[in-house]
Amino acid sequence: MPTVLCKKKANSAIVSIAKNKARDSMFNWIGPLVSSKTFFYKLKTNKKLTMNSLSDAKNYSLGVIRGDIYESLVNKIGFSADNNLLTFGEEQQYMSLFFNKRIDLILGSEFTINSKLKP
C-alpha cells in the first residue's frame, strides 16, 4: 500500500491519493492536483439494475479494492462485506467479475473510469 511505504521511507512522495480525515495528519499535503466526482457504474446490458437514489445502490453488489478509499466511503453509506460489498486485492479481479455480470456495480471517477475499462 503506497501510504505505508511512503511513511517508512524518507524523502518519498505519493503523487495522487485521495485525502480524507484519517490521512490528513499523516502527510504534508501540497494541494489538489485535480478534483473529480465519483460515480457508480453498471453495464449498459444490465437491464435489471435501476437506481434513482444513493440508497438504491445498496440493493446491488459492488466490487472495490480492499483498503482503498472507496471501501471506507461505501461502508459509510451502508455497504458491508457480509451483504453487498466484495473486496479484492487487485482491480483486475473485480473488473473481470463485473464484465462477466457477477458484480453489479463498480466505482470510478470521471478521470479514472476509462483506464478501468481498458482490457
N, C-alpha and C. Protein backbone atom coordinates (compact mmCIF):
# COMPACT_ATOMS: atom_id res chain seq x y z
N MET A 1 0.84 -1.17 0.00
CA MET A 1 0.00 0.00 0.00
C MET A 1 0.90 1.24 0.00
N PRO A 2 0.66 2.19 -0.89
CA PRO A 2 1.53 3.36 -1.02
C PRO A 2 1.67 4.17 0.26
N THR A 3 0.60 4.28 1.05
CA THR A 3 0.68 5.10 2.26
C THR A 3 1.67 4.52 3.25
N VAL A 4 1.70 3.21 3.40
CA VAL A 4 2.61 2.56 4.34
C VAL A 4 4.05 2.74 3.87
N LEU A 5 4.32 2.50 2.59
CA LEU A 5 5.67 2.64 2.06
C LEU A 5 6.17 4.07 2.17
N CYS A 6 5.32 5.01 1.89
CA CYS A 6 5.70 6.42 1.94
C CYS A 6 6.03 6.84 3.37
N LYS A 7 5.31 6.34 4.33
CA LYS A 7 5.57 6.70 5.73
C LYS A 7 6.88 6.11 6.22
N LYS A 8 7.29 4.96 5.69
CA LYS A 8 8.50 4.29 6.14
C LYS A 8 9.76 4.81 5.48
N LYS A 9 9.66 5.31 4.26
CA LYS A 9 10.84 5.71 3.51
C LYS A 9 10.96 7.24 3.48
N ALA A 10 12.07 7.74 3.97
CA ALA A 10 12.31 9.18 3.99
C ALA A 10 12.38 9.74 2.58
N ASN A 11 11.99 10.99 2.43
CA ASN A 11 12.06 11.71 1.15
C ASN A 11 11.28 11.01 0.04
N SER A 12 10.14 10.43 0.38
CA SER A 12 9.29 9.80 -0.63
C SER A 12 7.98 10.58 -0.73
N ALA A 13 7.25 10.31 -1.81
CA ALA A 13 6.01 11.05 -2.04
C ALA A 13 5.00 10.17 -2.76
N ILE A 14 3.75 10.52 -2.60
CA ILE A 14 2.67 9.90 -3.35
C ILE A 14 2.11 10.99 -4.26
N VAL A 15 2.09 10.73 -5.55
CA VAL A 15 1.67 11.76 -6.49
C VAL A 15 0.17 11.97 -6.45
N SER A 16 -0.59 10.90 -6.35
CA SER A 16 -2.04 11.04 -6.39
C SER A 16 -2.66 10.13 -5.35
N ILE A 17 -3.38 10.73 -4.42
CA ILE A 17 -4.05 9.98 -3.37
C ILE A 17 -5.24 10.80 -2.89
N ALA A 18 -6.30 10.11 -2.53
CA ALA A 18 -7.47 10.81 -2.01
C ALA A 18 -7.21 11.24 -0.58
N LYS A 19 -7.59 12.44 -0.28
CA LYS A 19 -7.41 12.98 1.07
C LYS A 19 -8.68 12.73 1.88
N ASN A 20 -8.51 12.23 3.09
CA ASN A 20 -9.64 12.07 3.99
C ASN A 20 -9.17 12.41 5.41
N LYS A 21 -10.07 12.38 6.36
CA LYS A 21 -9.73 12.76 7.74
C LYS A 21 -8.63 11.88 8.33
N ALA A 22 -8.70 10.58 8.06
CA ALA A 22 -7.71 9.66 8.62
C ALA A 22 -6.31 9.94 8.06
N ARG A 23 -6.22 10.34 6.82
CA ARG A 23 -4.92 10.58 6.19
C ARG A 23 -4.43 12.01 6.37
N ASP A 24 -5.28 12.89 6.79
CA ASP A 24 -4.95 14.32 6.84
C ASP A 24 -3.67 14.61 7.63
N SER A 25 -3.54 14.02 8.79
CA SER A 25 -2.37 14.31 9.63
C SER A 25 -1.16 13.43 9.30
N MET A 26 -1.33 12.45 8.43
CA MET A 26 -0.24 11.54 8.10
C MET A 26 0.79 12.13 7.14
N PHE A 27 0.38 13.12 6.36
CA PHE A 27 1.23 13.62 5.29
C PHE A 27 1.25 15.14 5.28
N ASN A 28 2.24 15.69 4.61
CA ASN A 28 2.27 17.10 4.27
C ASN A 28 1.62 17.23 2.90
N TRP A 29 0.48 17.85 2.85
CA TRP A 29 -0.29 17.95 1.60
C TRP A 29 0.13 19.20 0.84
N ILE A 30 0.49 19.02 -0.41
CA ILE A 30 0.91 20.15 -1.25
C ILE A 30 -0.31 20.86 -1.82
N GLY A 31 -1.29 20.12 -2.19
CA GLY A 31 -2.51 20.71 -2.73
C GLY A 31 -3.14 19.77 -3.72
N PRO A 32 -4.35 20.05 -4.10
CA PRO A 32 -5.01 19.15 -5.05
C PRO A 32 -4.41 19.29 -6.45
N LEU A 33 -4.18 18.14 -7.09
CA LEU A 33 -3.77 18.13 -8.49
C LEU A 33 -5.01 18.25 -9.36
N VAL A 34 -6.02 17.48 -8.99
CA VAL A 34 -7.32 17.51 -9.68
C VAL A 34 -8.39 17.20 -8.65
N SER A 35 -9.60 17.49 -9.00
CA SER A 35 -10.73 17.14 -8.17
C SER A 35 -11.82 16.61 -9.09
N SER A 36 -12.44 15.53 -8.68
CA SER A 36 -13.48 14.96 -9.52
C SER A 36 -14.54 14.28 -8.66
N LYS A 37 -15.64 13.98 -9.27
CA LYS A 37 -16.73 13.28 -8.60
C LYS A 37 -16.59 11.78 -8.86
N THR A 38 -17.11 11.01 -7.94
CA THR A 38 -17.12 9.56 -8.07
C THR A 38 -18.53 9.11 -8.40
N PHE A 39 -18.63 8.14 -9.29
CA PHE A 39 -19.94 7.64 -9.73
C PHE A 39 -19.98 6.13 -9.63
N PHE A 40 -21.19 5.60 -9.46
CA PHE A 40 -21.42 4.17 -9.62
C PHE A 40 -21.60 3.91 -11.11
N TYR A 41 -21.04 2.79 -11.57
CA TYR A 41 -21.20 2.40 -12.97
C TYR A 41 -21.76 1.00 -13.04
N LYS A 42 -22.64 0.78 -14.02
CA LYS A 42 -23.20 -0.54 -14.28
C LYS A 42 -22.98 -0.84 -15.76
N LEU A 43 -23.11 -2.10 -16.10
CA LEU A 43 -23.04 -2.47 -17.52
C LEU A 43 -24.31 -1.99 -18.21
N LYS A 44 -24.17 -1.48 -19.38
CA LYS A 44 -25.32 -1.00 -20.15
C LYS A 44 -26.32 -2.13 -20.39
N THR A 45 -25.81 -3.35 -20.51
CA THR A 45 -26.67 -4.51 -20.77
C THR A 45 -27.39 -5.02 -19.53
N ASN A 46 -27.07 -4.48 -18.37
CA ASN A 46 -27.70 -4.91 -17.12
C ASN A 46 -29.03 -4.17 -16.95
N LYS A 47 -30.06 -4.68 -17.55
CA LYS A 47 -31.38 -4.02 -17.56
C LYS A 47 -32.11 -4.14 -16.22
N LYS A 48 -31.74 -5.13 -15.40
CA LYS A 48 -32.42 -5.31 -14.11
C LYS A 48 -32.02 -4.26 -13.08
N LEU A 49 -30.92 -3.59 -13.31
CA LEU A 49 -30.41 -2.63 -12.34
C LEU A 49 -30.93 -1.23 -12.64
N THR A 50 -31.70 -0.71 -11.69
CA THR A 50 -32.19 0.67 -11.79
C THR A 50 -31.95 1.37 -10.47
N MET A 51 -31.43 2.57 -10.57
CA MET A 51 -31.16 3.35 -9.36
C MET A 51 -31.70 4.76 -9.55
N ASN A 52 -32.44 5.22 -8.55
CA ASN A 52 -32.95 6.58 -8.55
C ASN A 52 -32.37 7.40 -7.40
N SER A 53 -31.68 6.72 -6.48
CA SER A 53 -31.09 7.42 -5.35
C SER A 53 -29.88 6.63 -4.87
N LEU A 54 -29.09 7.25 -4.03
CA LEU A 54 -27.91 6.60 -3.48
C LEU A 54 -28.29 5.37 -2.67
N SER A 55 -29.39 5.43 -1.96
CA SER A 55 -29.80 4.27 -1.16
C SER A 55 -30.18 3.08 -2.03
N ASP A 56 -30.62 3.32 -3.26
CA ASP A 56 -30.93 2.22 -4.19
C ASP A 56 -29.68 1.40 -4.52
N ALA A 57 -28.51 2.02 -4.50
CA ALA A 57 -27.27 1.32 -4.84
C ALA A 57 -27.02 0.15 -3.90
N LYS A 58 -27.47 0.26 -2.66
CA LYS A 58 -27.23 -0.80 -1.67
C LYS A 58 -27.99 -2.09 -1.99
N ASN A 59 -28.88 -2.05 -2.96
CA ASN A 59 -29.61 -3.25 -3.37
C ASN A 59 -28.81 -4.12 -4.33
N TYR A 60 -27.61 -3.67 -4.69
CA TYR A 60 -26.81 -4.36 -5.69
C TYR A 60 -25.41 -4.64 -5.16
N SER A 61 -24.71 -5.55 -5.81
CA SER A 61 -23.35 -5.90 -5.38
C SER A 61 -22.34 -4.92 -5.97
N LEU A 62 -21.31 -4.66 -5.19
CA LEU A 62 -20.28 -3.69 -5.56
C LEU A 62 -18.92 -4.29 -5.30
N GLY A 63 -17.99 -4.12 -6.23
CA GLY A 63 -16.62 -4.56 -6.05
C GLY A 63 -15.67 -3.38 -5.89
N VAL A 64 -14.77 -3.47 -4.92
CA VAL A 64 -13.76 -2.43 -4.67
C VAL A 64 -12.45 -3.09 -4.26
N ILE A 65 -11.39 -2.31 -4.29
CA ILE A 65 -10.10 -2.79 -3.79
C ILE A 65 -10.10 -2.69 -2.27
N ARG A 66 -9.67 -3.76 -1.64
CA ARG A 66 -9.61 -3.84 -0.18
C ARG A 66 -8.68 -2.74 0.36
N GLY A 67 -9.17 -1.97 1.31
CA GLY A 67 -8.37 -0.93 1.93
C GLY A 67 -8.33 0.38 1.17
N ASP A 68 -8.96 0.43 0.01
CA ASP A 68 -8.98 1.64 -0.81
C ASP A 68 -9.93 2.68 -0.20
N ILE A 69 -9.77 3.91 -0.60
CA ILE A 69 -10.64 4.99 -0.11
C ILE A 69 -12.11 4.69 -0.41
N TYR A 70 -12.38 4.04 -1.55
CA TYR A 70 -13.76 3.72 -1.91
C TYR A 70 -14.38 2.77 -0.90
N GLU A 71 -13.60 1.85 -0.36
CA GLU A 71 -14.16 0.91 0.62
C GLU A 71 -14.67 1.67 1.84
N SER A 72 -13.89 2.61 2.35
CA SER A 72 -14.35 3.36 3.53
C SER A 72 -15.55 4.24 3.21
N LEU A 73 -15.59 4.79 2.01
CA LEU A 73 -16.73 5.63 1.63
C LEU A 73 -18.02 4.83 1.53
N VAL A 74 -17.97 3.67 0.89
CA VAL A 74 -19.22 2.90 0.74
C VAL A 74 -19.65 2.24 2.04
N ASN A 75 -18.70 1.96 2.93
CA ASN A 75 -19.08 1.46 4.26
C ASN A 75 -19.93 2.49 4.99
N LYS A 76 -19.60 3.75 4.83
CA LYS A 76 -20.33 4.83 5.50
C LYS A 76 -21.77 4.97 4.99
N ILE A 77 -22.03 4.55 3.75
CA ILE A 77 -23.39 4.68 3.23
C ILE A 77 -24.18 3.38 3.29
N GLY A 78 -23.59 2.35 3.93
CA GLY A 78 -24.36 1.15 4.18
C GLY A 78 -23.96 -0.10 3.43
N PHE A 79 -22.90 -0.07 2.65
CA PHE A 79 -22.41 -1.31 2.04
C PHE A 79 -21.63 -2.07 3.10
N SER A 80 -21.74 -3.41 3.06
CA SER A 80 -20.99 -4.21 4.03
C SER A 80 -20.54 -5.51 3.38
N ALA A 81 -19.41 -6.00 3.86
CA ALA A 81 -18.81 -7.21 3.29
C ALA A 81 -19.71 -8.43 3.48
N ASP A 82 -20.54 -8.43 4.49
CA ASP A 82 -21.43 -9.56 4.72
C ASP A 82 -22.68 -9.52 3.85
N ASN A 83 -22.86 -8.43 3.11
CA ASN A 83 -24.11 -8.25 2.40
C ASN A 83 -23.91 -7.97 0.90
N ASN A 84 -23.39 -6.81 0.56
CA ASN A 84 -23.38 -6.39 -0.84
C ASN A 84 -22.04 -5.84 -1.31
N LEU A 85 -20.99 -5.98 -0.50
CA LEU A 85 -19.68 -5.46 -0.84
C LEU A 85 -18.67 -6.58 -0.97
N LEU A 86 -18.00 -6.63 -2.11
CA LEU A 86 -16.93 -7.60 -2.33
C LEU A 86 -15.63 -6.83 -2.45
N THR A 87 -14.62 -7.22 -1.66
CA THR A 87 -13.34 -6.53 -1.70
C THR A 87 -12.28 -7.45 -2.30
N PHE A 88 -11.35 -6.84 -3.02
CA PHE A 88 -10.35 -7.60 -3.76
C PHE A 88 -8.98 -6.97 -3.58
N GLY A 89 -7.94 -7.76 -3.82
CA GLY A 89 -6.58 -7.27 -3.73
C GLY A 89 -6.16 -6.45 -4.93
N GLU A 90 -6.76 -6.73 -6.09
CA GLU A 90 -6.39 -6.03 -7.32
C GLU A 90 -7.63 -5.67 -8.13
N GLU A 91 -7.53 -4.56 -8.82
CA GLU A 91 -8.64 -4.07 -9.63
C GLU A 91 -9.08 -5.06 -10.70
N GLN A 92 -8.13 -5.76 -11.33
CA GLN A 92 -8.46 -6.70 -12.40
C GLN A 92 -9.39 -7.80 -11.91
N GLN A 93 -9.29 -8.16 -10.62
CA GLN A 93 -10.12 -9.23 -10.08
C GLN A 93 -11.60 -8.85 -10.11
N TYR A 94 -11.94 -7.67 -9.61
CA TYR A 94 -13.35 -7.31 -9.60
C TYR A 94 -13.83 -6.85 -10.97
N MET A 95 -12.95 -6.30 -11.78
CA MET A 95 -13.36 -5.89 -13.12
C MET A 95 -13.74 -7.11 -13.97
N SER A 96 -13.01 -8.19 -13.81
CA SER A 96 -13.35 -9.42 -14.53
C SER A 96 -14.73 -9.91 -14.13
N LEU A 97 -15.04 -9.89 -12.86
CA LEU A 97 -16.36 -10.30 -12.39
C LEU A 97 -17.44 -9.34 -12.87
N PHE A 98 -17.12 -8.07 -12.91
CA PHE A 98 -18.06 -7.06 -13.39
C PHE A 98 -18.41 -7.31 -14.86
N PHE A 99 -17.41 -7.50 -15.69
CA PHE A 99 -17.66 -7.74 -17.12
C PHE A 99 -18.37 -9.07 -17.37
N ASN A 100 -18.22 -10.01 -16.45
CA ASN A 100 -18.91 -11.30 -16.57
C ASN A 100 -20.23 -11.32 -15.82
N LYS A 101 -20.71 -10.15 -15.44
CA LYS A 101 -22.02 -9.95 -14.81
C LYS A 101 -22.17 -10.69 -13.48
N ARG A 102 -21.07 -10.79 -12.73
CA ARG A 102 -21.10 -11.42 -11.41
C ARG A 102 -21.12 -10.37 -10.30
N ILE A 103 -20.77 -9.12 -10.65
CA ILE A 103 -20.87 -7.96 -9.75
C ILE A 103 -21.66 -6.92 -10.50
N ASP A 104 -22.60 -6.29 -9.82
CA ASP A 104 -23.49 -5.32 -10.48
C ASP A 104 -22.85 -3.96 -10.72
N LEU A 105 -22.07 -3.47 -9.74
CA LEU A 105 -21.58 -2.09 -9.79
C LEU A 105 -20.07 -2.00 -9.56
N ILE A 106 -19.50 -0.94 -10.11
CA ILE A 106 -18.14 -0.54 -9.78
C ILE A 106 -18.18 0.96 -9.51
N LEU A 107 -17.13 1.46 -8.93
CA LEU A 107 -16.99 2.89 -8.67
C LEU A 107 -15.84 3.44 -9.48
N GLY A 108 -15.96 4.69 -9.85
CA GLY A 108 -14.85 5.34 -10.53
C GLY A 108 -15.12 6.82 -10.67
N SER A 109 -14.04 7.56 -10.82
CA SER A 109 -14.19 8.99 -11.06
C SER A 109 -14.24 9.21 -12.56
N GLU A 110 -14.63 10.39 -12.93
CA GLU A 110 -14.68 10.72 -14.36
C GLU A 110 -13.28 10.69 -14.97
N PHE A 111 -12.24 10.77 -14.13
CA PHE A 111 -10.86 10.72 -14.62
C PHE A 111 -10.31 9.30 -14.69
N THR A 112 -10.81 8.40 -13.84
CA THR A 112 -10.22 7.06 -13.77
C THR A 112 -11.02 5.98 -14.48
N ILE A 113 -12.27 6.22 -14.78
CA ILE A 113 -13.12 5.15 -15.30
C ILE A 113 -12.62 4.60 -16.64
N ASN A 114 -12.12 5.45 -17.51
CA ASN A 114 -11.64 4.96 -18.81
C ASN A 114 -10.49 3.98 -18.67
N SER A 115 -9.59 4.24 -17.75
CA SER A 115 -8.46 3.30 -17.58
C SER A 115 -8.95 1.98 -16.97
N LYS A 116 -9.97 2.01 -16.14
CA LYS A 116 -10.52 0.78 -15.59
C LYS A 116 -11.18 -0.08 -16.67
N LEU A 117 -11.74 0.55 -17.65
CA LEU A 117 -12.49 -0.17 -18.67
C LEU A 117 -11.61 -0.78 -19.76
N LYS A 118 -10.33 -0.43 -19.79
CA LYS A 118 -9.42 -0.99 -20.79
C LYS A 118 -9.02 -2.39 -20.39
N PRO A 119 -8.96 -3.31 -21.37
CA PRO A 119 -8.58 -4.70 -21.05
C PRO A 119 -7.14 -4.84 -20.62
